[in-house]
PDB file of N, CA and C in Angstrom:
ATOM      1  N   MET A   1      11.415   2.023 -13.822  1.00  0.00           N
ATOM      2  CA  MET A   1      10.315   1.696 -12.965  1.00  0.00           C
ATOM      3  C   MET A   1      10.839   1.216 -11.610  1.00  0.00           C
ATOM      4  N   ILE A   2      10.131   1.602 -10.559  1.00  0.00           N
ATOM      5  CA  ILE A   2      10.452   1.218  -9.189  1.00  0.00           C
ATOM      6  C   ILE A   2       9.271   0.420  -8.632  1.00  0.00           C
ATOM      7  N   LEU A   3       9.584  -0.628  -7.883  1.00  0.00           N
ATOM      8  CA  LEU A   3       8.557  -1.401  -7.209  1.00  0.00           C
ATOM      9  C   LEU A   3       8.625  -1.081  -5.720  1.00  0.00           C
ATOM     10  N   GLU A   4       7.555  -0.540  -5.200  1.00  0.00           N
ATOM     11  CA  GLU A   4       7.439  -0.330  -3.752  1.00  0.00           C
ATOM     12  C   GLU A   4       6.791  -1.581  -3.167  1.00  0.00           C
ATOM     13  N   VAL A   5       7.391  -2.144  -2.155  1.00  0.00           N
ATOM     14  CA  VAL A   5       6.828  -3.299  -1.460  1.00  0.00           C
ATOM     15  C   VAL A   5       6.478  -2.841  -0.049  1.00  0.00           C
ATOM     16  N   ALA A   6       5.196  -2.791   0.226  1.00  0.00           N
ATOM     17  CA  ALA A   6       4.716  -2.397   1.554  1.00  0.00           C
ATOM     18  C   ALA A   6       4.156  -3.635   2.234  1.00  0.00           C
ATOM     19  N   ILE A   7       4.728  -3.995   3.366  1.00  0.00           N
ATOM     20  CA  ILE A   7       4.269  -5.152   4.128  1.00  0.00           C
ATOM     21  C   ILE A   7       3.280  -4.649   5.171  1.00  0.00           C
ATOM     22  N   MET A   8       2.050  -5.122   5.047  1.00  0.00           N
ATOM     23  CA  MET A   8       0.989  -4.710   5.960  1.00  0.00           C
ATOM     24  C   MET A   8       0.592  -5.887   6.830  1.00  0.00           C
ATOM     25  N   LYS A   9       0.524  -5.645   8.132  1.00  0.00           N
ATOM     26  CA  LYS A   9       0.033  -6.642   9.074  1.00  0.00           C
ATOM     27  C   LYS A   9      -1.323  -6.162   9.574  1.00  0.00           C
ATOM     28  N   VAL A  10      -2.350  -6.934   9.238  1.00  0.00           N
ATOM     29  CA  VAL A  10      -3.736  -6.576   9.527  1.00  0.00           C
ATOM     30  C   VAL A  10      -4.246  -7.432  10.679  1.00  0.00           C
ATOM     31  N   LYS A  11      -5.051  -6.830  11.538  1.00  0.00           N
ATOM     32  CA  LYS A  11      -5.660  -7.574  12.641  1.00  0.00           C
ATOM     33  C   LYS A  11      -6.490  -8.715  12.042  1.00  0.00           C
ATOM     34  N   PRO A  12      -6.184  -9.958  12.401  1.00  0.00           N
ATOM     35  CA  PRO A  12      -6.863 -11.096  11.779  1.00  0.00           C
ATOM     36  C   PRO A  12      -8.391 -11.023  11.801  1.00  0.00           C
ATOM     37  N   ALA A  13      -8.965 -10.521  12.863  1.00  0.00           N
ATOM     38  CA  ALA A  13     -10.425 -10.434  12.952  1.00  0.00           C
ATOM     39  C   ALA A  13     -11.016  -9.414  11.970  1.00  0.00           C
ATOM     40  N   LEU A  14     -10.164  -8.539  11.424  1.00  0.00           N
ATOM     41  CA  LEU A  14     -10.639  -7.475  10.537  1.00  0.00           C
ATOM     42  C   LEU A  14     -10.225  -7.678   9.081  1.00  0.00           C
ATOM     43  N   MET A  15      -9.701  -8.845   8.757  1.00  0.00           N
ATOM     44  CA  MET A  15      -9.200  -9.087   7.406  1.00  0.00           C
ATOM     45  C   MET A  15     -10.277  -8.905   6.332  1.00  0.00           C
ATOM     46  N   ALA A  16     -11.450  -9.461   6.523  1.00  0.00           N
ATOM     47  CA  ALA A  16     -12.515  -9.361   5.513  1.00  0.00           C
ATOM     48  C   ALA A  16     -12.912  -7.909   5.279  1.00  0.00           C
ATOM     49  N   GLU A  17     -13.032  -7.148   6.348  1.00  0.00           N
ATOM     50  CA  GLU A  17     -13.385  -5.725   6.221  1.00  0.00           C
ATOM     51  C   GLU A  17     -12.257  -4.963   5.533  1.00  0.00           C
ATOM     52  N   PHE A  18     -11.012  -5.243   5.908  1.00  0.00           N
ATOM     53  CA  PHE A  18      -9.854  -4.616   5.267  1.00  0.00           C
ATOM     54  C   PHE A  18      -9.873  -4.874   3.752  1.00  0.00           C
ATOM     55  N   GLU A  19     -10.076  -6.109   3.369  1.00  0.00           N
ATOM     56  CA  GLU A  19     -10.073  -6.461   1.945  1.00  0.00           C
ATOM     57  C   GLU A  19     -11.208  -5.784   1.187  1.00  0.00           C
ATOM     58  N   LYS A  20     -12.306  -5.538   1.854  1.00  0.00           N
ATOM     59  CA  LYS A  20     -13.433  -4.850   1.224  1.00  0.00           C
ATOM     60  C   LYS A  20     -13.135  -3.364   1.012  1.00  0.00           C
ATOM     61  N   VAL A  21     -12.453  -2.741   1.978  1.00  0.00           N
ATOM     62  CA  VAL A  21     -12.159  -1.300   1.928  1.00  0.00           C
ATOM     63  C   VAL A  21     -10.899  -1.005   1.109  1.00  0.00           C
ATOM     64  N   PHE A  22      -9.990  -1.966   1.023  1.00  0.00           N
ATOM     65  CA  PHE A  22      -8.706  -1.726   0.386  1.00  0.00           C
ATOM     66  C   PHE A  22      -8.790  -1.107  -1.012  1.00  0.00           C
ATOM     67  N   PRO A  23      -9.696  -1.530  -1.900  1.00  0.00           N
ATOM     68  CA  PRO A  23      -9.736  -0.908  -3.231  1.00  0.00           C
ATOM     69  C   PRO A  23      -9.912   0.616  -3.200  1.00  0.00           C
ATOM     70  N   GLN A  24     -10.604   1.128  -2.201  1.00  0.00           N
ATOM     71  CA  GLN A  24     -10.749   2.580  -2.071  1.00  0.00           C
ATOM     72  C   GLN A  24      -9.400   3.231  -1.763  1.00  0.00           C
ATOM     73  N   ALA A  25      -8.636   2.609  -0.860  1.00  0.00           N
ATOM     74  CA  ALA A  25      -7.313   3.133  -0.515  1.00  0.00           C
ATOM     75  C   ALA A  25      -6.371   3.031  -1.711  1.00  0.00           C
ATOM     76  N   ALA A  26      -6.431   1.913  -2.426  1.00  0.00           N
ATOM     77  CA  ALA A  26      -5.573   1.729  -3.598  1.00  0.00           C
ATOM     78  C   ALA A  26      -5.875   2.782  -4.655  1.00  0.00           C
ATOM     79  N   ALA A  27      -7.121   3.192  -4.768  1.00  0.00           N
ATOM     80  CA  ALA A  27      -7.491   4.227  -5.733  1.00  0.00           C
ATOM     81  C   ALA A  27      -6.823   5.561  -5.399  1.00  0.00           C
ATOM     82  N   VAL A  28      -6.563   5.796  -4.128  1.00  0.00           N
ATOM     83  CA  VAL A  28      -5.851   7.021  -3.724  1.00  0.00           C
ATOM     84  C   VAL A  28      -4.426   6.971  -4.264  1.00  0.00           C
ATOM     85  N   SER A  29      -3.743   5.857  -4.074  1.00  0.00           N
ATOM     86  CA  SER A  29      -2.390   5.699  -4.637  1.00  0.00           C
ATOM     87  C   SER A  29      -2.419   5.852  -6.150  1.00  0.00           C
ATOM     88  N   ALA A  30      -3.406   5.223  -6.764  1.00  0.00           N
ATOM     89  CA  ALA A  30      -3.500   5.224  -8.228  1.00  0.00           C
ATOM     90  C   ALA A  30      -3.736   6.617  -8.806  1.00  0.00           C
ATOM     91  N   SER A  31      -4.230   7.526  -7.988  1.00  0.00           N
ATOM     92  CA  SER A  31      -4.506   8.883  -8.479  1.00  0.00           C
ATOM     93  C   SER A  31      -3.267   9.777  -8.490  1.00  0.00           C
ATOM     94  N   CYS A  32      -2.133   9.275  -8.019  1.00  0.00           N
ATOM     95  CA  CYS A  32      -0.904  10.073  -7.934  1.00  0.00           C
ATOM     96  C   CYS A  32      -0.147  10.073  -9.253  1.00  0.00           C
ATOM     97  N   LYS A  33       0.432  11.211  -9.567  1.00  0.00           N
ATOM     98  CA  LYS A  33       1.291  11.309 -10.741  1.00  0.00           C
ATOM     99  C   LYS A  33       2.485  10.370 -10.556  1.00  0.00           C
ATOM    100  N   GLY A  34       2.790   9.588 -11.585  1.00  0.00           N
ATOM    101  CA  GLY A  34       3.908   8.661 -11.515  1.00  0.00           C
ATOM    102  C   GLY A  34       3.525   7.246 -11.132  1.00  0.00           C
ATOM    103  N   TYR A  35       2.255   7.038 -10.765  1.00  0.00           N
ATOM    104  CA  TYR A  35       1.752   5.695 -10.449  1.00  0.00           C
ATOM    105  C   TYR A  35       1.644   4.906 -11.754  1.00  0.00           C
ATOM    106  N   ILE A  36       2.030   3.625 -11.704  1.00  0.00           N
ATOM    107  CA  ILE A  36       1.899   2.752 -12.879  1.00  0.00           C
ATOM    108  C   ILE A  36       0.836   1.685 -12.651  1.00  0.00           C
ATOM    109  N   SER A  37       1.002   0.877 -11.594  1.00  0.00           N
ATOM    110  CA  SER A  37       0.045  -0.194 -11.318  1.00  0.00           C
ATOM    111  C   SER A  37       0.276  -0.719  -9.905  1.00  0.00           C
ATOM    112  N   HIS A  38      -0.604  -1.604  -9.468  1.00  0.00           N
ATOM    113  CA  HIS A  38      -0.437  -2.214  -8.150  1.00  0.00           C
ATOM    114  C   HIS A  38      -1.080  -3.593  -8.116  1.00  0.00           C
ATOM    115  N   GLU A  39      -0.736  -4.326  -7.080  1.00  0.00           N
ATOM    116  CA  GLU A  39      -1.415  -5.573  -6.751  1.00  0.00           C
ATOM    117  C   GLU A  39      -1.275  -5.799  -5.257  1.00  0.00           C
ATOM    118  N   MET A  40      -2.223  -6.534  -4.706  1.00  0.00           N
ATOM    119  CA  MET A  40      -2.201  -6.881  -3.290  1.00  0.00           C
ATOM    120  C   MET A  40      -2.114  -8.398  -3.198  1.00  0.00           C
ATOM    121  N   GLN A  41      -1.198  -8.879  -2.361  1.00  0.00           N
ATOM    122  CA  GLN A  41      -1.026 -10.314  -2.145  1.00  0.00           C
ATOM    123  C   GLN A  41      -1.244 -10.617  -0.669  1.00  0.00           C
ATOM    124  N   ARG A  42      -2.034 -11.645  -0.392  1.00  0.00           N
ATOM    125  CA  ARG A  42      -2.284 -12.085   0.986  1.00  0.00           C
ATOM    126  C   ARG A  42      -1.421 -13.306   1.261  1.00  0.00           C
ATOM    127  N   CYS A  43      -0.716 -13.303   2.386  1.00  0.00           N
ATOM    128  CA  CYS A  43       0.147 -14.421   2.762  1.00  0.00           C
ATOM    129  C   CYS A  43      -0.692 -15.645   3.112  1.00  0.00           C
ATOM    130  N   VAL A  44      -0.262 -16.792   2.624  1.00  0.00           N
ATOM    131  CA  VAL A  44      -0.957 -18.045   2.903  1.00  0.00           C
ATOM    132  C   VAL A  44      -0.594 -18.569   4.288  1.00  0.00           C
ATOM    133  N   GLU A  45       0.677 -18.460   4.664  1.00  0.00           N
ATOM    134  CA  GLU A  45       1.137 -19.020   5.937  1.00  0.00           C
ATOM    135  C   GLU A  45       0.851 -18.131   7.148  1.00  0.00           C
ATOM    136  N   THR A  46       0.895 -16.823   6.973  1.00  0.00           N
ATOM    137  CA  THR A  46       0.747 -15.914   8.108  1.00  0.00           C
ATOM    138  C   THR A  46      -0.548 -15.123   7.974  1.00  0.00           C
ATOM    139  N   LYS A  47      -1.519 -15.453   8.787  1.00  0.00           N
ATOM    140  CA  LYS A  47      -2.818 -14.798   8.744  1.00  0.00           C
ATOM    141  C   LYS A  47      -2.664 -13.306   9.063  1.00  0.00           C
ATOM    142  N   GLY A  48      -3.222 -12.479   8.196  1.00  0.00           N
ATOM    143  CA  GLY A  48      -3.191 -11.035   8.406  1.00  0.00           C
ATOM    144  C   GLY A  48      -2.011 -10.328   7.764  1.00  0.00           C
ATOM    145  N   LYS A  49      -1.133 -11.050   7.078  1.00  0.00           N
ATOM    146  CA  LYS A  49       0.035 -10.432   6.448  1.00  0.00           C
ATOM    147  C   LYS A  49      -0.235 -10.240   4.952  1.00  0.00           C
ATOM    148  N   TYR A  50       0.021  -9.027   4.468  1.00  0.00           N
ATOM    149  CA  TYR A  50      -0.224  -8.663   3.072  1.00  0.00           C
ATOM    150  C   TYR A  50       1.000  -7.972   2.491  1.00  0.00           C
ATOM    151  N   PHE A  51       1.212  -8.172   1.213  1.00  0.00           N
ATOM    152  CA  PHE A  51       2.216  -7.420   0.461  1.00  0.00           C
ATOM    153  C   PHE A  51       1.467  -6.554  -0.544  1.00  0.00           C
ATOM    154  N   TYR A  52       1.610  -5.235  -0.394  1.00  0.00           N
ATOM    155  CA  TYR A  52       1.030  -4.282  -1.340  1.00  0.00           C
ATOM    156  C   TYR A  52       2.171  -3.881  -2.261  1.00  0.00           C
ATOM    157  N   LEU A  53       2.079  -4.248  -3.522  1.00  0.00           N
ATOM    158  CA  LEU A  53       3.129  -4.008  -4.513  1.00  0.00           C
ATOM    159  C   LEU A  53       2.671  -2.895  -5.448  1.00  0.00           C
ATOM    160  N   ILE A  54       3.386  -1.774  -5.428  1.00  0.00           N
ATOM    161  CA  ILE A  54       3.007  -0.624  -6.235  1.00  0.00           C
ATOM    162  C   ILE A  54       4.154  -0.273  -7.175  1.00  0.00           C
ATOM    163  N   ARG A  55       3.855  -0.165  -8.432  1.00  0.00           N
ATOM    164  CA  ARG A  55       4.852   0.217  -9.431  1.00  0.00           C
ATOM    165  C   ARG A  55       4.742   1.721  -9.678  1.00  0.00           C
ATOM    166  N   TRP A  56       5.887   2.375  -9.528  1.00  0.00           N
ATOM    167  CA  TRP A  56       5.985   3.826  -9.712  1.00  0.00           C
ATOM    168  C   TRP A  56       6.998   4.116 -10.814  1.00  0.00           C
ATOM    169  N   GLU A  57       6.869   5.260 -11.442  1.00  0.00           N
ATOM    170  CA  GLU A  57       7.853   5.679 -12.444  1.00  0.00           C
ATOM    171  C   GLU A  57       9.219   5.904 -11.812  1.00  0.00           C
ATOM    172  N   SER A  58       9.226   6.346 -10.546  1.00  0.00           N
ATOM    173  CA  SER A  58      10.477   6.644  -9.842  1.00  0.00           C
ATOM    174  C   SER A  58      10.221   6.635  -8.341  1.00  0.00           C
ATOM    175  N   VAL A  59      11.292   6.623  -7.554  1.00  0.00           N
ATOM    176  CA  VAL A  59      11.148   6.734  -6.099  1.00  0.00           C
ATOM    177  C   VAL A  59      10.485   8.062  -5.756  1.00  0.00           C
ATOM    178  N   GLU A  60      10.862   9.110  -6.471  1.00  0.00           N
ATOM    179  CA  GLU A  60      10.303  10.434  -6.212  1.00  0.00           C
ATOM    180  C   GLU A  60       8.788  10.460  -6.426  1.00  0.00           C
ATOM    181  N   ALA A  61       8.291   9.693  -7.387  1.00  0.00           N
ATOM    182  CA  ALA A  61       6.840   9.642  -7.609  1.00  0.00           C
ATOM    183  C   ALA A  61       6.128   9.190  -6.338  1.00  0.00           C
ATOM    184  N   HIS A  62       6.713   8.232  -5.656  1.00  0.00           N
ATOM    185  CA  HIS A  62       6.125   7.765  -4.398  1.00  0.00           C
ATOM    186  C   HIS A  62       6.403   8.737  -3.262  1.00  0.00           C
ATOM    187  N   GLU A  63       7.677   9.094  -3.100  1.00  0.00           N
ATOM    188  CA  GLU A  63       8.091   9.925  -1.964  1.00  0.00           C
ATOM    189  C   GLU A  63       7.490  11.334  -2.006  1.00  0.00           C
ATOM    190  N   VAL A  64       7.376  11.916  -3.187  1.00  0.00           N
ATOM    191  CA  VAL A  64       6.888  13.293  -3.304  1.00  0.00           C
ATOM    192  C   VAL A  64       5.399  13.333  -3.658  1.00  0.00           C
ATOM    193  N   ASN A  65       5.003  12.623  -4.704  1.00  0.00           N
ATOM    194  CA  ASN A  65       3.632  12.728  -5.210  1.00  0.00           C
ATOM    195  C   ASN A  65       2.599  12.019  -4.337  1.00  0.00           C
ATOM    196  N   PHE A  66       3.065  11.126  -3.481  1.00  0.00           N
ATOM    197  CA  PHE A  66       2.147  10.463  -2.557  1.00  0.00           C
ATOM    198  C   PHE A  66       2.436  10.858  -1.108  1.00  0.00           C
ATOM    199  N   ARG A  67       3.638  10.558  -0.649  1.00  0.00           N
ATOM    200  CA  ARG A  67       3.956  10.749   0.778  1.00  0.00           C
ATOM    201  C   ARG A  67       3.913  12.200   1.238  1.00  0.00           C
ATOM    202  N   GLN A  68       4.240  13.129   0.353  1.00  0.00           N
ATOM    203  CA  GLN A  68       4.293  14.535   0.761  1.00  0.00           C
ATOM    204  C   GLN A  68       3.029  15.297   0.386  1.00  0.00           C
ATOM    205  N   THR A  69       1.927  14.572   0.273  1.00  0.00           N
ATOM    206  CA  THR A  69       0.651  15.207  -0.051  1.00  0.00           C
ATOM    207  C   THR A  69      -0.419  14.707   0.921  1.00  0.00           C
ATOM    208  N   PRO A  70      -1.579  15.340   0.924  1.00  0.00           N
ATOM    209  CA  PRO A  70      -2.683  14.867   1.773  1.00  0.00           C
ATOM    210  C   PRO A  70      -3.173  13.463   1.393  1.00  0.00           C
ATOM    211  N   LYS A  71      -2.788  12.972   0.228  1.00  0.00           N
ATOM    212  CA  LYS A  71      -3.228  11.640  -0.193  1.00  0.00           C
ATOM    213  C   LYS A  71      -2.716  10.553   0.751  1.00  0.00           C
ATOM    214  N   ARG A  72      -1.528  10.760   1.294  1.00  0.00           N
ATOM    215  CA  ARG A  72      -0.994   9.770   2.248  1.00  0.00           C
ATOM    216  C   ARG A  72      -1.928   9.631   3.443  1.00  0.00           C
ATOM    217  N   GLN A  73      -2.381  10.748   3.998  1.00  0.00           N
ATOM    218  CA  GLN A  73      -3.281  10.691   5.153  1.00  0.00           C
ATOM    219  C   GLN A  73      -4.635  10.125   4.753  1.00  0.00           C
ATOM    220  N   GLN A  74      -5.099  10.461   3.566  1.00  0.00           N
ATOM    221  CA  GLN A  74      -6.370   9.914   3.076  1.00  0.00           C
ATOM    222  C   GLN A  74      -6.285   8.386   2.999  1.00  0.00           C
ATOM    223  N   PHE A  75      -5.173   7.872   2.478  1.00  0.00           N
ATOM    224  CA  PHE A  75      -4.923   6.436   2.388  1.00  0.00           C
ATOM    225  C   PHE A  75      -4.957   5.808   3.782  1.00  0.00           C
ATOM    226  N   ARG A  76      -4.230   6.411   4.710  1.00  0.00           N
ATOM    227  CA  ARG A  76      -4.160   5.889   6.081  1.00  0.00           C
ATOM    228  C   ARG A  76      -5.500   5.985   6.802  1.00  0.00           C
ATOM    229  N   ASP A  77      -6.259   7.030   6.528  1.00  0.00           N
ATOM    230  CA  ASP A  77      -7.573   7.172   7.151  1.00  0.00           C
ATOM    231  C   ASP A  77      -8.508   6.033   6.736  1.00  0.00           C
ATOM    232  N   LEU A  78      -8.357   5.560   5.511  1.00  0.00           N
ATOM    233  CA  LEU A  78      -9.211   4.487   5.009  1.00  0.00           C
ATOM    234  C   LEU A  78      -8.856   3.122   5.602  1.00  0.00           C
ATOM    235  N   ILE A  79      -7.554   2.817   5.737  1.00  0.00           N
ATOM    236  CA  ILE A  79      -7.187   1.450   6.148  1.00  0.00           C
ATOM    237  C   ILE A  79      -6.282   1.358   7.374  1.00  0.00           C
ATOM    238  N   GLY A  80      -5.838   2.469   7.889  1.00  0.00           N
ATOM    239  CA  GLY A  80      -4.924   2.433   9.037  1.00  0.00           C
ATOM    240  C   GLY A  80      -5.490   1.763  10.267  1.00  0.00           C
ATOM    241  N   LYS A  81      -6.785   1.828  10.453  1.00  0.00           N
ATOM    242  CA  LYS A  81      -7.406   1.223  11.641  1.00  0.00           C
ATOM    243  C   LYS A  81      -7.345  -0.302  11.623  1.00  0.00           C
ATOM    244  N   TYR A  82      -7.054  -0.877  10.472  1.00  0.00           N
ATOM    245  CA  TYR A  82      -6.987  -2.338  10.363  1.00  0.00           C
ATOM    246  C   TYR A  82      -5.592  -2.882  10.670  1.00  0.00           C
ATOM    247  N   TRP A  83      -4.586  -2.023  10.645  1.00  0.00           N
ATOM    248  CA  TRP A  83      -3.200  -2.456  10.826  1.00  0.00           C
ATOM    249  C   TRP A  83      -2.876  -2.792  12.277  1.00  0.00           C
ATOM    250  N   VAL A  84      -2.044  -3.790  12.460  1.00  0.00           N
ATOM    251  CA  VAL A  84      -1.469  -4.094  13.767  1.00  0.00           C
ATOM    252  C   VAL A  84      -0.428  -3.026  14.094  1.00  0.00           C
ATOM    253  N   GLU A  85       0.296  -2.595  13.077  1.00  0.00           N
ATOM    254  CA  GLU A  85       1.339  -1.561  13.174  1.00  0.00           C
ATOM    255  C   GLU A  85       1.456  -0.913  11.806  1.00  0.00           C
ATOM    256  N   PRO A  86       2.046   0.281  11.709  1.00  0.00           N
ATOM    257  CA  PRO A  86       2.210   0.895  10.389  1.00  0.00           C
ATOM    258  C   PRO A  86       3.042  -0.012   9.470  1.00  0.00           C
ATOM    259  N   PRO A  87       2.733   0.018   8.181  1.00  0.00           N
ATOM    260  CA  PRO A  87       3.470  -0.845   7.247  1.00  0.00           C
ATOM    261  C   PRO A  87       4.931  -0.449   7.103  1.00  0.00           C
ATOM    262  N   VAL A  88       5.706  -1.432   6.706  1.00  0.00           N
ATOM    263  CA  VAL A  88       7.117  -1.217   6.348  1.00  0.00           C
ATOM    264  C   VAL A  88       7.164  -1.207   4.827  1.00  0.00           C
ATOM    265  N   ALA A  89       7.778  -0.188   4.239  1.00  0.00           N
ATOM    266  CA  ALA A  89       7.828  -0.092   2.780  1.00  0.00           C
ATOM    267  C   ALA A  89       9.270   0.149   2.330  1.00  0.00           C
ATOM    268  N   GLU A  90       9.644  -0.518   1.240  1.00  0.00           N
ATOM    269  CA  GLU A  90      10.948  -0.338   0.620  1.00  0.00           C
ATOM    270  C   GLU A  90      10.767  -0.313  -0.896  1.00  0.00           C
ATOM    271  N   HIS A  91      11.763   0.242  -1.569  1.00  0.00           N
ATOM    272  CA  HIS A  91      11.727   0.368  -3.021  1.00  0.00           C
ATOM    273  C   HIS A  91      12.741  -0.575  -3.669  1.00  0.00           C
ATOM    274  N   PHE A  92      12.333  -1.173  -4.782  1.00  0.00           N
ATOM    275  CA  PHE A  92      13.191  -2.135  -5.486  1.00  0.00           C
ATOM    276  C   PHE A  92      13.235  -1.784  -6.965  1.00  0.00           C
ATOM    277  N   GLU A  93      14.359  -2.197  -7.611  1.00  0.00           N
ATOM    278  CA  GLU A  93      14.487  -2.008  -9.050  1.00  0.00           C
ATOM    279  C   GLU A  93      14.959  -3.307  -9.679  1.00  0.00           C
ATOM    280  N   ALA A  94      14.552  -3.527 -10.913  1.00  0.00           N
ATOM    281  CA  ALA A  94      14.918  -4.759 -11.620  1.00  0.00           C
ATOM    282  C   ALA A  94      16.408  -4.755 -11.932  1.00  0.00           C
ATOM    283  N   ILE A  95      16.982  -5.957 -11.983  1.00  0.00           N
ATOM    284  CA  ILE A  95      18.391  -6.086 -12.372  1.00  0.00           C
ATOM    285  C   ILE A  95      18.485  -6.998 -13.589  1.00  0.00           C
TER     286      ILE A  95
END
């Protein structure tokens, strides 16, 4: 299993709207082959900062089954307007 950590910076004035729309975007990720689960965490200290944690079967599940399909654009179309900048995402594995 791989954990993708995507750091999202959301415009503070749009946080409530972002949180309302986010489940629709998460459903796009969840529809990809190789998706396991996800959670969204909101930072307490930094207003507008979120960690989107997605568990995938492999890096390829994310890189190919999500990023290289129209689902990536569908995801961005739903929540991209709320971002200050595009998210930074990295993959992690348990040790």
